[in-house]
Amino acid sequence: MGKKSWKQIRRVSQLLCLCIFLALFRLTDYTGADTIPYAVNIFFRMDPLVGACVTLAARTFISLLWPCLVIVALTMILGRFFCAWICPMGTIIDMTGHFIRPHQKYGSLSSFRFLKYAILTMVLISSLFTIQFLGFVDPFAILVRGMVFSFDPVFNFLVTGFFDRIYVSGPAWLSQFTEPGYDFFKIFILPYKQSFFYLSFLSFLLLLGIFILELFGRRFWCRNLCPLGALLALISRVSFLKRIPIKACKNCLLCEKDCPMGAFDTRGGFMPEECNLCMDCLAFCPNQITGFRFGLPGQPMPVDISRRQLVTAGFAGVCIPVLSQTSALSKTVNNDLIRPPGALEESDFLATCVRCGECMKVCITNGLQPLVFEKGLAGMFTPRLMPRLGYCEFNCTLCSQVCPTHAIERLSIKEKHAFKMGTASIDKNRCLPYAEQKSCIVCEEHCPVHDKAIKFEEVRIDIPGKGTRLLKKPRVFTEQCIGCGICENVCPVAGEAAIKVIGKASQKNNFGGSGY
């Protein structure tokens, strides 16, 4: 096989993995079925950084993450191949490289390579303190969340707006040609039901920032900032696949100048941990002497981060979780905070949730929304149920099916029916039967619990000039209520609902036995 053909094979691998990623992204959706029979979260489960951080935070290895061990083993054999052959973020960066050219003024800025090791150190140490900041820096979390919160709604708006404009303003005969195209988009590309989320603009900026950084150097994110790349770089230092020669030729230096990862230092020496096996050097080597072969690991060179920088990163990794726990925001009382069904206890949930957005994407009613600062920085981007926007469908377990770390444990339908997310509480000052003596039975009608959690008490009221009549006043039985939020969602009172669900974390302070 010719050396130049390896580059073509790598591009085919990138395109194939990107297509799989996009297909799984679209399959992470409600399409009328109660189950998702595909491993739609496989890319998160393959992520060694997710495996490391969640293991440190949970103090145990979660069996669902076993695919990341395969990537670790292959990296020990082949080196940092994941970044150039599999990673969808790296593939998209390469594709946008045809449009975003680095400014000559800035060059590659390779002196910032230590930052990825510093970020990796901070994330791992904060995970030890069970404060999970992985969702802010993991490439898959940034990519998927940005696509869910920002790209999907914008793309859906543009596509549907284009076809709607044709139907409204275009000639009637044109629709017979555009209809098949719109059907294709609806079936294969557009979401089954478009959802909208808080923090969509911030998610967009985080994702966009990665591509803007390409102006400062090719694969700037991968070279200098990606903590997953840093972890794979450390593992690849013991890999058996080696590049030859280990230095750039003095009379050429094409390897040093054109390597997209900047895997050569200023003296022309090769840094194997920075090589992602893109195989570009095989193609542009004029003497065709560049190659790769297996051999025993040699003496590793020092990691591209100084001791002082490492200590500083470690200190920051200790301070950040401590400060996030001692800030005023972390002490805020959130009586209305409702986690998804199957969510672990709050401390365990915050430690194992990677803020990927998969559960929010798959939510049928769009009720799952990301936290902003309600639980401080440590809770940002984690999911909460907002019943006024959307309730938790009684027979749905999709969010537990797509969670890659079991932060939301998988539930059967029977277990879901019994899982308590919170408890409803009636505000008698707003409820129509109590406040205005008007008939309203909406909350009881929609309560999905088999033995209704909302029942009526009939009372006789006096109506001036008209005698008396019976009025049904709702009452919540807390033992039966699971906190699905449908009562709050359908409450006809304008503005804030007259019945509100309180998260289970706050129930001990607000309820005791049956009540109103």
Protein backbone atom coordinates (compact mmCIF):
# COMPACT_ATOMS: atom_id res chain seq x y z
CA MET A 1 0.00 0.00 0.00
CA GLY A 2 1.40 3.40 -1.00
CA LYS A 3 2.24 5.93 1.65
CA LYS A 4 -0.11 8.54 0.20
CA SER A 5 -3.04 6.13 0.36
CA TRP A 6 -2.87 6.09 4.19
CA LYS A 7 -4.02 9.69 4.21
CA GLN A 8 -7.02 8.77 2.07
CA ILE A 9 -7.85 5.85 4.37
CA ARG A 10 -7.69 8.18 7.35
CA ARG A 11 -10.09 10.58 5.67
CA VAL A 12 -12.51 7.74 4.95
CA SER A 13 -12.32 6.71 8.61
CA GLN A 14 -12.99 10.29 9.72
CA LEU A 15 -15.97 10.64 7.39
CA LEU A 16 -17.39 7.28 8.44
CA CYS A 17 -17.09 8.07 12.16
CA LEU A 18 -18.62 11.51 11.63
CA CYS A 19 -21.56 9.97 9.76
CA ILE A 20 -22.05 7.47 12.60
CA PHE A 21 -21.89 10.29 15.13
CA LEU A 22 -24.47 12.37 13.25
CA ALA A 23 -26.73 9.35 12.73
CA LEU A 24 -26.63 8.51 16.45
CA PHE A 25 -27.25 12.17 17.26
CA ARG A 26 -30.41 12.11 15.18
CA LEU A 27 -31.47 8.74 16.63
CA THR A 28 -31.28 10.29 20.10
CA ASP A 29 -34.82 11.45 19.63
CA TYR A 30 -38.37 10.44 20.37
CA THR A 31 -39.92 8.96 17.25
CA GLY A 32 -43.03 7.36 18.72
CA ALA A 33 -41.24 4.34 20.23
CA ASP A 34 -40.75 3.79 23.96
CA THR A 35 -37.22 2.49 23.57
CA ILE A 36 -34.08 3.47 21.70
CA PRO A 37 -32.50 0.21 20.51
CA TYR A 38 -29.15 1.78 19.58
CA ALA A 39 -26.09 2.71 21.61
CA VAL A 40 -26.64 6.40 20.88
CA ASN A 41 -24.25 7.39 23.70
CA ILE A 42 -21.34 5.25 22.49
CA PHE A 43 -19.00 8.19 21.80
CA PHE A 44 -19.27 9.34 25.40
CA ARG A 45 -18.68 5.79 26.59
CA MET A 46 -15.58 5.59 24.37
CA ASP A 47 -14.16 8.79 25.88
CA PRO A 48 -11.28 7.92 28.29
CA LEU A 49 -11.58 11.36 29.90
CA VAL A 50 -15.22 10.67 30.79
CA GLY A 51 -14.18 7.29 32.15
CA ALA A 52 -11.38 8.78 34.27
CA CYS A 53 -13.38 11.71 35.68
CA VAL A 54 -16.51 9.72 36.48
CA THR A 55 -14.45 6.92 38.07
CA LEU A 56 -12.63 9.42 40.30
CA ALA A 57 -15.86 11.16 41.27
CA ALA A 58 -17.89 7.99 41.86
CA ARG A 59 -14.97 6.12 43.49
CA THR A 60 -15.84 3.12 41.34
CA PHE A 61 -15.70 2.14 37.67
CA ILE A 62 -19.09 2.22 35.96
CA SER A 63 -19.40 -0.85 33.75
CA LEU A 64 -21.28 1.11 31.07
CA LEU A 65 -18.01 2.93 30.29
CA TRP A 66 -16.06 -0.20 29.32
CA PRO A 67 -15.58 1.00 25.68
CA CYS A 68 -13.18 3.69 26.93
CA LEU A 69 -10.83 0.91 28.07
CA VAL A 70 -10.69 -0.33 24.46
CA ILE A 71 -9.59 3.14 23.33
CA VAL A 72 -6.96 3.22 26.09
CA ALA A 73 -5.60 -0.19 25.01
CA LEU A 74 -5.49 0.80 21.33
CA THR A 75 -3.77 4.09 22.23
CA MET A 76 -1.08 2.14 24.09
CA ILE A 77 -0.47 0.20 20.86
CA LEU A 78 -1.05 2.74 18.09
CA GLY A 79 -0.56 6.07 19.82
CA ARG A 80 -2.87 9.08 19.72
CA PHE A 81 -4.82 7.82 16.70
CA PHE A 82 -8.23 8.66 18.15
CA CYS A 83 -7.84 12.40 17.50
CA ALA A 84 -7.27 12.06 13.74
CA TRP A 85 -9.16 8.88 12.89
CA ILE A 86 -12.29 8.85 15.08
CA CYS A 87 -12.98 12.11 16.96
CA PRO A 88 -15.93 13.98 15.33
CA MET A 89 -14.74 17.28 16.76
CA GLY A 90 -11.34 16.83 15.13
CA THR A 91 -12.99 15.89 11.84
CA ILE A 92 -15.20 18.99 11.83
CA ILE A 93 -12.17 21.15 12.69
CA ASP A 94 -10.30 19.65 9.74
CA MET A 95 -13.28 20.31 7.46
CA THR A 96 -13.61 23.94 8.56
CA GLY A 97 -9.86 24.33 8.01
CA HIS A 98 -10.66 24.78 4.31
CA PHE A 99 -12.51 27.99 5.19
CA ILE A 100 -10.79 29.21 8.37
CA ARG A 101 -7.15 29.93 7.66
CA PRO A 102 -4.69 30.69 10.46
CA HIS A 103 -3.46 34.27 10.41
CA GLN A 104 0.24 34.34 9.55
CA LYS A 105 0.80 36.89 12.29
CA TYR A 106 -0.03 34.39 15.01
CA GLY A 107 1.49 31.20 13.64
CA SER A 108 0.78 28.01 15.56
CA LEU A 109 1.28 29.36 19.10
CA SER A 110 2.65 25.95 20.14
CA SER A 111 4.05 27.47 23.33
CA PHE A 112 0.54 27.07 24.78
CA ARG A 113 0.66 23.26 24.64
CA PHE A 114 1.06 23.09 28.42
CA LEU A 115 -2.52 24.41 28.80
CA LYS A 116 -4.13 21.11 27.84
CA TYR A 117 -2.18 19.32 30.57
CA ALA A 118 -3.09 22.07 33.03
CA ILE A 119 -6.80 21.75 32.15
CA LEU A 120 -6.58 17.97 32.42
CA THR A 121 -5.00 18.27 35.88
CA MET A 122 -7.68 20.69 37.09
CA VAL A 123 -10.53 18.52 35.80
CA LEU A 124 -9.16 15.31 37.32
CA ILE A 125 -8.46 16.89 40.72
CA SER A 126 -11.88 18.57 40.85
CA SER A 127 -13.40 15.15 40.08
CA LEU A 128 -11.67 13.79 43.18
CA PHE A 129 -13.65 16.37 45.13
CA THR A 130 -16.81 15.09 43.35
CA ILE A 131 -17.23 18.44 41.59
CA GLN A 132 -17.61 17.66 37.90
CA PHE A 133 -16.41 20.38 35.51
CA LEU A 134 -15.87 17.90 32.69
CA GLY A 135 -18.89 19.24 30.79
CA PHE A 136 -17.17 22.59 30.25
CA VAL A 137 -14.08 21.18 28.52
CA ASP A 138 -14.79 17.69 27.15
CA PRO A 139 -14.99 17.90 23.33
CA PHE A 140 -17.96 15.54 23.05
CA ALA A 141 -19.94 17.38 25.74
CA ILE A 142 -19.26 20.75 24.07
CA LEU A 143 -20.11 19.41 20.60
CA VAL A 144 -23.28 17.49 21.46
CA ARG A 145 -24.64 20.15 23.81
CA GLY A 146 -23.93 22.88 21.25
CA MET A 147 -25.73 20.89 18.57
CA VAL A 148 -28.71 20.11 20.82
CA PHE A 149 -29.17 23.59 22.30
CA SER A 150 -28.11 25.76 19.36
CA PHE A 151 -27.46 24.15 15.99
CA ASP A 152 -30.58 21.97 15.85
CA PRO A 153 -33.08 24.80 16.54
CA VAL A 154 -31.34 27.15 14.11
CA PHE A 155 -31.05 24.54 11.37
CA ASN A 156 -34.68 23.50 11.82
CA PHE A 157 -35.80 27.14 11.70
CA LEU A 158 -33.88 27.81 8.49
CA VAL A 159 -35.04 24.66 6.70
CA THR A 160 -38.70 24.90 7.67
CA GLY A 161 -38.67 28.65 7.05
CA PHE A 162 -37.31 28.12 3.54
CA PHE A 163 -39.98 25.58 2.59
CA ASP A 164 -42.75 27.56 4.32
CA ARG A 165 -41.77 30.61 2.28
CA ILE A 166 -42.04 28.59 -0.92
CA TYR A 167 -45.50 27.31 0.03
CA VAL A 168 -46.78 30.76 1.01
CA SER A 169 -45.17 32.99 -1.62
CA GLY A 170 -44.09 30.67 -4.41
CA PRO A 171 -46.16 29.46 -7.36
CA ALA A 172 -48.41 26.47 -6.67
CA TRP A 173 -46.64 24.25 -9.22
CA LEU A 174 -43.33 24.60 -7.36
CA SER A 175 -44.55 22.69 -4.31
CA GLN A 176 -44.71 19.41 -6.24
CA PHE A 177 -40.92 19.62 -6.63
CA THR A 178 -40.10 20.89 -3.13
CA GLU A 179 -42.39 18.48 -1.27
CA PRO A 180 -40.13 15.42 -1.78
CA GLY A 181 -37.16 17.43 -0.53
CA TYR A 182 -39.04 18.55 2.57
CA ASP A 183 -40.18 14.96 3.23
CA PHE A 184 -36.54 13.84 3.08
CA PHE A 185 -35.53 16.46 5.64
CA LYS A 186 -38.41 15.54 7.95
CA ILE A 187 -37.68 11.82 7.85
CA PHE A 188 -33.89 11.74 7.97
CA ILE A 189 -32.49 15.08 9.16
CA LEU A 190 -34.89 17.27 11.11
CA PRO A 191 -35.84 16.32 14.69
CA TYR A 192 -39.15 14.60 15.31
CA LYS A 193 -40.20 17.53 17.50
CA GLN A 194 -38.09 20.65 17.85
CA SER A 195 -37.19 21.58 21.42
CA PHE A 196 -35.77 24.81 22.81
CA PHE A 197 -33.46 25.29 25.77
CA TYR A 198 -32.01 27.75 28.20
CA LEU A 199 -28.29 28.51 27.79
CA SER A 200 -28.51 27.92 24.05
CA PHE A 201 -26.51 31.07 23.29
CA LEU A 202 -23.75 30.18 25.77
CA SER A 203 -23.54 26.65 24.36
CA PHE A 204 -23.26 28.12 20.88
CA LEU A 205 -20.43 30.46 21.96
CA LEU A 206 -18.47 27.62 23.60
CA LEU A 207 -18.66 25.56 20.42
CA LEU A 208 -18.03 28.50 18.10
CA GLY A 209 -14.99 29.52 20.16
CA ILE A 210 -13.22 26.28 19.28
CA PHE A 211 -13.44 27.09 15.58
CA ILE A 212 -12.54 30.75 16.02
CA LEU A 213 -9.31 29.56 17.66
CA GLU A 214 -8.35 28.07 14.29
CA LEU A 215 -7.43 31.62 13.28
CA PHE A 216 -4.49 31.37 15.69
CA GLY A 217 -3.19 28.03 14.41
CA ARG A 218 -4.21 24.75 12.81
CA ARG A 219 -5.98 22.47 15.27
CA PHE A 220 -5.38 25.03 18.02
CA TRP A 221 -7.94 23.34 20.29
CA CYS A 222 -6.44 19.88 19.79
CA ARG A 223 -2.85 21.08 20.26
CA ASN A 224 -3.26 23.40 23.20
CA LEU A 225 -6.56 23.06 25.06
CA CYS A 226 -8.27 19.67 24.67
CA PRO A 227 -7.96 17.69 27.94
CA LEU A 228 -8.99 14.48 26.17
CA GLY A 229 -6.10 15.02 23.77
CA ALA A 230 -3.80 15.59 26.76
CA LEU A 231 -4.88 12.32 28.37
CA LEU A 232 -4.42 10.40 25.11
CA ALA A 233 -1.03 12.08 24.66
CA LEU A 234 0.12 10.83 28.05
CA ILE A 235 -1.07 7.30 27.29
CA SER A 236 0.54 7.34 23.83
CA ARG A 237 3.99 7.92 25.34
CA VAL A 238 4.22 4.14 25.87
CA SER A 239 2.79 3.19 22.45
CA PHE A 240 4.53 0.66 20.20
CA LEU A 241 3.91 2.43 16.87
CA LYS A 242 6.78 4.82 16.16
CA ARG A 243 7.42 7.39 13.49
CA ILE A 244 10.70 7.37 11.60
CA PRO A 245 12.83 9.39 11.35
CA ILE A 246 12.53 10.98 14.81
CA LYS A 247 13.82 14.34 13.54
CA ALA A 248 13.04 16.59 10.60
CA CYS A 249 15.65 16.59 7.85
CA LYS A 250 17.91 19.64 8.13
CA ASN A 251 17.75 20.39 4.43
CA CYS A 252 13.93 20.21 4.25
CA LEU A 253 12.01 20.91 7.48
CA LEU A 254 8.67 20.29 5.73
CA CYS A 255 7.66 17.99 8.59
CA GLU A 256 8.26 20.74 11.10
CA LYS A 257 6.49 23.45 9.09
CA ASP A 258 3.51 21.52 7.72
CA CYS A 259 2.61 19.14 10.57
CA PRO A 260 -0.99 20.08 11.50
CA MET A 261 -0.35 19.11 15.12
CA GLY A 262 3.03 20.84 15.44
CA ALA A 263 4.60 17.59 16.62
CA PHE A 264 8.14 18.94 16.22
CA ASP A 265 9.89 21.19 18.70
CA THR A 266 11.92 24.25 17.71
CA ARG A 267 15.04 22.08 17.24
CA GLY A 268 13.28 19.75 14.82
CA GLY A 269 12.93 16.95 17.37
CA PHE A 270 9.80 14.77 17.14
CA MET A 271 7.34 14.65 20.06
CA PRO A 272 5.40 11.37 19.68
CA GLU A 273 2.66 12.36 22.14
CA GLU A 274 1.72 15.29 19.87
CA CYS A 275 1.39 13.09 16.78
CA ASN A 276 -2.17 12.01 16.02
CA LEU A 277 -1.22 9.72 13.12
CA CYS A 278 -2.82 11.96 10.49
CA MET A 279 -0.28 10.56 7.99
CA ASP A 280 0.10 13.93 6.25
CA CYS A 281 3.88 13.69 6.56
CA LEU A 282 3.85 10.49 4.48
CA ALA A 283 2.19 12.38 1.66
CA PHE A 284 4.30 15.54 1.53
CA CYS A 285 7.72 14.04 2.28
CA PRO A 286 9.70 14.74 -0.94
CA ASN A 287 12.20 11.91 -0.32
CA GLN A 288 9.59 9.36 0.77
CA ILE A 289 11.66 8.37 3.82
CA THR A 290 8.98 9.05 6.42
CA GLY A 291 7.17 6.03 7.82
CA PHE A 292 5.75 4.27 10.88
CA ARG A 293 6.79 0.95 12.37
CA PHE A 294 6.25 -1.04 15.56
CA GLY A 295 8.93 -1.19 18.19
CA LEU A 296 9.52 -1.18 21.92
CA PRO A 297 8.78 2.13 23.68
CA GLY A 298 11.90 4.23 24.08
CA GLN A 299 12.95 6.60 26.79
CA PRO A 300 10.06 9.11 27.10
CA MET A 301 10.82 12.80 26.81
CA PRO A 302 9.63 15.22 29.52
CA VAL A 303 5.97 16.22 29.30
CA ASP A 304 5.44 19.66 27.79
CA ILE A 305 4.48 21.30 31.09
CA SER A 306 6.82 22.66 33.76
CA ARG A 307 6.68 21.65 37.41
CA ARG A 308 5.52 25.13 38.37
CA GLN A 309 2.71 25.07 35.82
CA LEU A 310 1.64 21.61 37.03
CA VAL A 311 1.58 22.71 40.68
CA THR A 312 -0.42 25.82 39.74
CA ALA A 313 -2.94 23.70 37.82
CA GLY A 314 -3.22 21.30 40.74
CA PHE A 315 -3.80 24.16 43.16
CA ALA A 316 -6.52 25.55 40.87
CA GLY A 317 -8.07 22.09 40.69
CA VAL A 318 -8.36 22.11 44.50
CA CYS A 319 -9.55 25.70 44.82
CA ILE A 320 -12.27 25.61 42.15
CA PRO A 321 -14.40 22.86 43.76
CA VAL A 322 -13.88 24.31 47.23
CA LEU A 323 -14.92 27.79 46.11
CA SER A 324 -17.93 26.42 44.22
CA GLN A 325 -19.12 24.71 47.42
CA THR A 326 -18.58 27.72 49.67
CA SER A 327 -20.14 30.34 47.39
CA ALA A 328 -23.49 31.89 48.20
CA LEU A 329 -24.98 30.32 45.07
CA SER A 330 -24.28 26.81 46.36
CA LYS A 331 -26.31 27.60 49.49
CA THR A 332 -29.36 28.79 47.57
CA VAL A 333 -32.54 26.91 48.51
CA ASN A 334 -34.13 25.40 45.40
CA ASN A 335 -37.44 23.97 46.49
CA ASP A 336 -38.59 23.67 42.89
CA LEU A 337 -35.51 21.78 41.65
CA ILE A 338 -36.70 18.48 40.17
CA ARG A 339 -34.21 16.03 38.72
CA PRO A 340 -35.12 13.53 35.96
CA PRO A 341 -36.66 10.18 36.97
CA GLY A 342 -33.94 7.77 37.97
CA ALA A 343 -31.47 10.51 38.93
CA LEU A 344 -29.03 9.58 41.69
CA GLU A 345 -28.94 11.41 44.99
CA GLU A 346 -27.92 15.03 44.40
CA SER A 347 -24.24 14.75 45.37
CA ASP A 348 -23.78 11.56 43.33
CA PHE A 349 -25.72 13.03 40.44
CA LEU A 350 -23.55 16.15 40.27
CA ALA A 351 -20.43 13.96 40.43
CA THR A 352 -21.39 11.60 37.59
CA CYS A 353 -23.40 13.82 35.21
CA VAL A 354 -21.17 14.93 32.32
CA ARG A 355 -23.54 17.69 31.12
CA CYS A 356 -23.85 16.15 27.67
CA GLY A 357 -27.46 17.25 27.05
CA GLU A 358 -28.58 13.83 25.75
CA CYS A 359 -31.38 13.49 28.33
CA MET A 360 -32.70 16.97 27.50
CA LYS A 361 -32.58 16.25 23.78
CA VAL A 362 -34.64 13.09 24.08
CA CYS A 363 -37.25 14.52 26.47
CA ILE A 364 -40.65 14.21 24.79
CA THR A 365 -42.21 17.33 26.31
CA ASN A 366 -39.14 19.62 26.34
CA GLY A 367 -39.56 19.79 30.13
CA LEU A 368 -35.93 18.94 30.91
CA GLN A 369 -33.87 22.13 30.85
CA PRO A 370 -30.29 22.94 31.87
CA LEU A 371 -29.59 24.66 35.16
CA VAL A 372 -28.05 28.11 34.95
CA PHE A 373 -26.75 29.24 38.36
CA GLU A 374 -29.49 27.79 40.56
CA LYS A 375 -26.98 25.35 42.08
CA GLY A 376 -23.88 27.42 41.45
CA LEU A 377 -21.20 26.71 38.87
CA ALA A 378 -21.06 23.03 39.85
CA GLY A 379 -24.65 22.47 38.73
CA MET A 380 -24.52 24.43 35.49
CA PHE A 381 -25.79 22.54 32.40
CA THR A 382 -27.20 19.69 34.54
CA PRO A 383 -30.85 18.78 33.78
CA ARG A 384 -33.89 19.79 35.78
CA LEU A 385 -37.58 19.29 35.11
CA MET A 386 -39.53 22.53 34.60
CA PRO A 387 -43.18 21.40 34.67
CA ARG A 388 -44.59 24.68 33.45
CA LEU A 389 -42.65 24.12 30.19
CA GLY A 390 -43.17 20.36 29.99
CA TYR A 391 -44.12 17.54 32.32
CA CYS A 392 -42.52 14.12 32.72
CA GLU A 393 -44.44 11.68 30.55
CA PHE A 394 -45.73 8.87 32.80
CA ASN A 395 -44.72 5.98 30.50
CA CYS A 396 -41.43 7.44 29.20
CA THR A 397 -37.97 6.25 30.28
CA LEU A 398 -35.96 7.65 27.37
CA CYS A 399 -33.75 9.96 29.45
CA SER A 400 -32.53 7.01 31.52
CA GLN A 401 -31.81 5.06 28.34
CA VAL A 402 -29.48 7.65 26.81
CA CYS A 403 -27.50 8.69 29.92
CA PRO A 404 -23.89 7.52 29.27
CA THR A 405 -22.76 7.37 32.93
CA HIS A 406 -25.85 6.13 34.80
CA ALA A 407 -26.20 9.49 36.52
CA ILE A 408 -29.80 8.76 35.54
CA GLU A 409 -30.24 5.08 36.30
CA ARG A 410 -32.14 3.05 33.77
CA LEU A 411 -35.69 2.35 34.89
CA SER A 412 -38.33 -0.09 33.76
CA ILE A 413 -41.82 1.28 33.23
CA LYS A 414 -42.91 -0.24 36.54
CA GLU A 415 -39.97 1.37 38.35
CA LYS A 416 -40.64 4.68 36.63
CA HIS A 417 -44.24 4.65 37.83
CA ALA A 418 -43.02 4.31 41.40
CA PHE A 419 -40.05 6.72 41.22
CA LYS A 420 -40.65 9.87 43.24
CA MET A 421 -39.19 13.04 41.72
CA GLY A 422 -41.07 15.42 43.97
CA THR A 423 -44.46 16.25 45.41
CA ALA A 424 -47.19 18.62 44.31
CA SER A 425 -48.39 21.41 46.58
CA ILE A 426 -51.48 23.60 46.13
CA ASP A 427 -51.34 27.36 46.58
CA LYS A 428 -54.80 28.10 47.99
CA ASN A 429 -54.37 31.79 47.26
CA ARG A 430 -54.23 31.06 43.51
CA CYS A 431 -56.21 27.83 43.08
CA LEU A 432 -59.61 28.69 41.54
CA PRO A 433 -61.80 26.51 43.82
CA TYR A 434 -60.11 27.91 46.93
CA ALA A 435 -59.41 31.52 45.96
CA GLU A 436 -62.43 32.29 43.75
CA GLN A 437 -64.80 29.41 44.51
CA LYS A 438 -64.86 28.47 40.84
CA SER A 439 -65.11 24.91 39.61
CA CYS A 440 -61.86 23.46 38.22
CA ILE A 441 -60.96 19.78 38.00
CA VAL A 442 -58.09 19.97 35.49
CA CYS A 443 -55.29 18.78 37.80
CA GLU A 444 -57.23 15.71 38.96
CA GLU A 445 -58.27 14.81 35.43
CA HIS A 446 -54.67 14.76 34.18
CA CYS A 447 -53.04 13.05 37.15
CA PRO A 448 -51.63 9.81 35.62
CA VAL A 449 -51.11 7.87 38.87
CA HIS A 450 -53.34 4.81 38.94
CA ASP A 451 -54.69 5.61 42.39
CA LYS A 452 -55.06 9.34 41.85
CA ALA A 453 -52.61 11.49 43.82
CA ILE A 454 -55.06 14.40 43.53
CA LYS A 455 -58.55 13.82 44.84
CA PHE A 456 -61.48 16.07 45.63
CA GLU A 457 -63.23 17.06 48.79
CA GLU A 458 -66.78 18.20 48.20
CA VAL A 459 -67.84 21.19 50.24
CA ARG A 460 -71.13 23.11 50.24
CA ILE A 461 -70.77 26.83 49.68
CA ASP A 462 -73.30 29.64 49.92
CA ILE A 463 -73.95 31.77 46.86
CA PRO A 464 -75.71 35.04 47.65
CA GLY A 465 -79.14 35.08 46.10
CA LYS A 466 -78.74 31.58 44.63
CA GLY A 467 -78.63 29.30 47.62
CA THR A 468 -75.94 26.70 48.07
CA ARG A 469 -74.03 24.38 45.74
CA LEU A 470 -71.36 21.72 45.95
CA LEU A 471 -67.79 22.70 45.07
CA LYS A 472 -64.93 20.26 44.53
CA LYS A 473 -61.67 21.33 46.13
CA PRO A 474 -58.51 19.42 45.12
CA ARG A 475 -56.28 17.79 47.69
CA VAL A 476 -52.83 16.27 47.11
CA PHE A 477 -52.02 12.92 48.72
CA THR A 478 -48.25 12.99 48.99
CA GLU A 479 -47.82 9.22 49.32
CA GLN A 480 -49.25 8.67 45.83
CA CYS A 481 -47.73 11.77 44.14
CA ILE A 482 -44.55 11.08 42.15
CA GLY A 483 -43.89 14.69 41.08
CA CYS A 484 -44.32 14.22 37.32
CA GLY A 485 -45.50 17.83 37.02
CA ILE A 486 -48.41 17.34 34.64
CA CYS A 487 -50.75 19.03 37.11
CA GLU A 488 -48.54 22.13 37.18
CA ASN A 489 -48.21 22.05 33.39
CA VAL A 490 -51.96 22.01 32.69
CA CYS A 491 -53.05 24.33 35.50
CA PRO A 492 -55.24 26.98 33.78
CA VAL A 493 -54.25 29.78 36.15
CA ALA A 494 -52.32 32.42 34.21
CA GLY A 495 -48.65 32.92 35.07
CA GLU A 496 -47.32 30.84 37.93
CA ALA A 497 -49.38 27.70 38.41
CA ALA A 498 -51.67 27.30 41.42
CA ILE A 499 -50.23 23.83 41.97
CA LYS A 500 -46.47 23.48 42.08
CA VAL A 501 -44.16 20.48 42.29
CA ILE A 502 -41.44 20.60 44.94
CA GLY A 503 -38.29 18.54 44.33
CA LYS A 504 -37.76 15.52 46.55
CA ALA A 505 -34.54 16.99 48.00
CA SER A 506 -36.66 19.59 49.79
CA GLN A 507 -39.60 17.42 50.83
CA LYS A 508 -38.40 16.79 54.39
CA ASN A 509 -38.61 20.51 55.09
CA ASN A 510 -42.00 21.00 53.50
CA PHE A 511 -44.12 17.90 53.91
CA GLY A 512 -45.02 15.34 56.47
CA GLY A 513 -47.60 12.73 55.55
CA SER A 514 -50.75 13.51 53.59
CA GLY A 515 -51.62 17.11 53.10
CA TYR A 516 -52.83 19.83 50.77
